[in-house]
Protein backbone atom coordinates (compact mmCIF):
# COMPACT_ATOMS: atom_id res chain seq x y z
CA UNK A 1 112.31 97.34 100.42
CA UNK A 2 110.59 98.78 97.37
CA UNK A 3 110.74 96.72 94.19
CA UNK A 4 109.27 97.22 90.74
CA UNK A 5 109.68 94.15 88.58
CA UNK A 6 108.94 94.34 84.86
CA UNK A 7 108.15 91.35 82.68
CA UNK A 8 106.77 90.57 79.25
CA UNK A 9 109.50 91.92 77.01
CA UNK A 10 111.00 89.97 74.15
CA UNK A 11 111.49 89.74 70.42
CA UNK A 12 108.48 90.39 68.19
CA UNK A 13 107.99 90.95 64.48
CA UNK A 14 106.80 94.31 63.16
CA UNK A 15 103.04 94.56 63.51
CA UNK A 16 103.03 92.22 66.49
CA UNK A 17 101.95 92.77 70.07
CA UNK A 18 103.41 92.49 73.54
CA UNK A 19 102.03 93.12 77.00
CA UNK A 20 104.40 94.42 79.63
CA UNK A 21 103.67 94.04 83.33
CA UNK A 22 105.20 95.82 86.30
CA UNK A 23 104.57 94.37 89.73
CA UNK A 24 105.23 96.63 92.71
CA UNK A 25 106.03 95.59 96.26
CA UNK A 26 107.04 97.47 99.38
CA UNK A 27 104.79 100.45 98.68
CA UNK A 28 101.09 101.22 98.77
CA UNK A 29 100.96 101.15 95.01
CA UNK A 30 97.42 102.50 94.78
CA UNK A 31 98.56 105.98 95.88
CA UNK A 32 101.35 106.21 93.32
CA UNK A 33 101.10 107.39 89.74
CA UNK A 34 102.46 104.81 87.33
CA UNK A 35 104.37 105.21 84.13
CA UNK A 36 106.27 103.44 81.39
CA UNK A 37 109.43 104.90 79.90
CA UNK A 38 111.81 103.60 77.29
CA UNK A 39 115.41 104.12 76.32
CA UNK A 40 116.85 103.15 72.98
CA UNK A 41 120.62 102.86 72.41
CA UNK A 42 122.21 106.28 72.17
CA UNK A 43 119.01 108.07 73.12
CA UNK A 44 117.63 109.61 76.27
CA UNK A 45 114.97 107.91 78.33
CA UNK A 46 111.54 109.09 77.25
CA UNK A 47 108.03 108.87 78.62
CA UNK A 48 105.84 106.37 76.80
CA UNK A 49 102.66 106.44 78.89
CA UNK A 50 101.47 107.38 82.35
CA UNK A 51 98.44 106.74 84.51
CA UNK A 52 97.21 108.44 87.65
CA UNK A 53 96.98 106.61 90.96
CA UNK A 54 93.27 105.88 90.62
CA UNK A 55 93.65 105.08 86.94
CA UNK A 56 91.31 107.79 85.78
CA UNK A 57 93.71 109.76 83.59
CA UNK A 58 96.24 108.48 81.08
CA UNK A 59 98.77 110.22 78.87
CA UNK A 60 100.73 108.95 75.90
CA UNK A 61 103.68 109.99 73.80
CA UNK A 62 102.53 111.04 70.34
CA UNK A 63 104.58 108.23 68.83
CA UNK A 64 102.51 105.53 70.55
CA UNK A 65 99.02 107.04 70.63
CA UNK A 66 96.46 104.65 69.22
CA UNK A 67 98.85 101.68 69.50
CA UNK A 68 99.74 101.41 73.20
CA UNK A 69 97.43 101.27 76.20
CA UNK A 70 98.46 101.73 79.81
CA UNK A 71 96.32 100.30 82.59
CA UNK A 72 96.65 99.30 86.21
CA UNK A 73 95.17 96.84 88.68
CA UNK A 74 95.71 98.26 92.15
CA UNK A 75 94.43 95.07 93.76
CA UNK A 76 97.40 93.31 92.16
CA UNK A 77 99.84 96.22 92.61
CA UNK A 78 100.52 96.02 88.89
CA UNK A 79 100.66 98.40 85.95
CA UNK A 80 100.47 97.14 82.38
CA UNK A 81 101.44 98.36 78.93
CA UNK A 82 99.65 96.73 76.03
CA UNK A 83 101.65 97.37 72.87
CA UNK A 84 100.06 96.69 69.50
CA UNK A 85 101.18 97.34 65.92
CA UNK A 86 104.77 97.39 67.06
CA UNK A 87 107.37 99.06 64.88
CA UNK A 88 111.16 98.66 64.73
CA UNK A 89 111.49 102.12 66.24
CA UNK A 90 109.75 100.85 69.38
CA UNK A 91 112.86 98.78 70.12
CA UNK A 92 114.20 99.86 73.51
CA UNK A 93 114.55 98.92 77.14
CA UNK A 94 111.23 99.66 78.81
CA UNK A 95 111.16 100.82 82.43
CA UNK A 96 108.25 101.24 84.78
CA UNK A 97 108.09 104.03 87.32
CA UNK A 98 106.03 104.70 90.42
CA UNK A 99 105.90 108.28 91.66
CA UNK A 100 104.26 110.22 94.46
CA UNK A 101 105.63 113.66 95.25
CA UNK A 102 109.39 113.34 95.72
CA UNK A 103 109.22 109.57 96.07
CA UNK A 104 110.17 107.96 92.76
CA UNK A 105 110.94 104.31 92.14
CA UNK A 106 112.13 102.58 88.97
CA UNK A 107 112.15 99.02 87.77
CA UNK A 108 115.20 97.34 86.29
CA UNK A 109 113.89 97.40 82.73
CA UNK A 110 112.81 94.84 80.17
CA UNK A 111 114.10 94.64 76.61
CA UNK A 112 111.66 94.94 73.72
CA UNK A 113 113.05 94.21 70.27
CA UNK A 114 110.92 94.64 67.15
CA UNK A 115 112.57 93.01 64.18
CA UNK A 116 111.84 90.66 61.33
């Protein structure tokens, strides 16, 4: 059974930092591309950041460039999202995704709330 389990969300003040983790099991994670998405209330789910299977190429949404960093540790079957300089508009449920061809798996999501 494939599972992606996110952790690290919570409440943080504007300007603060959080590190999200997504631990994968049931798949050979090192051959899957990884990604973080988010969905705010009333909005569609959007891509935040992605990383290739080997970790050599990353992409970011314009809104998070320079503030967020995606990384992965294939030995630990884990993908991370370091979020710095957080803004209220970053408030959302954050989901991790593993994808390879037509095989796509999602985590259950973790809430990130940025508020003073």
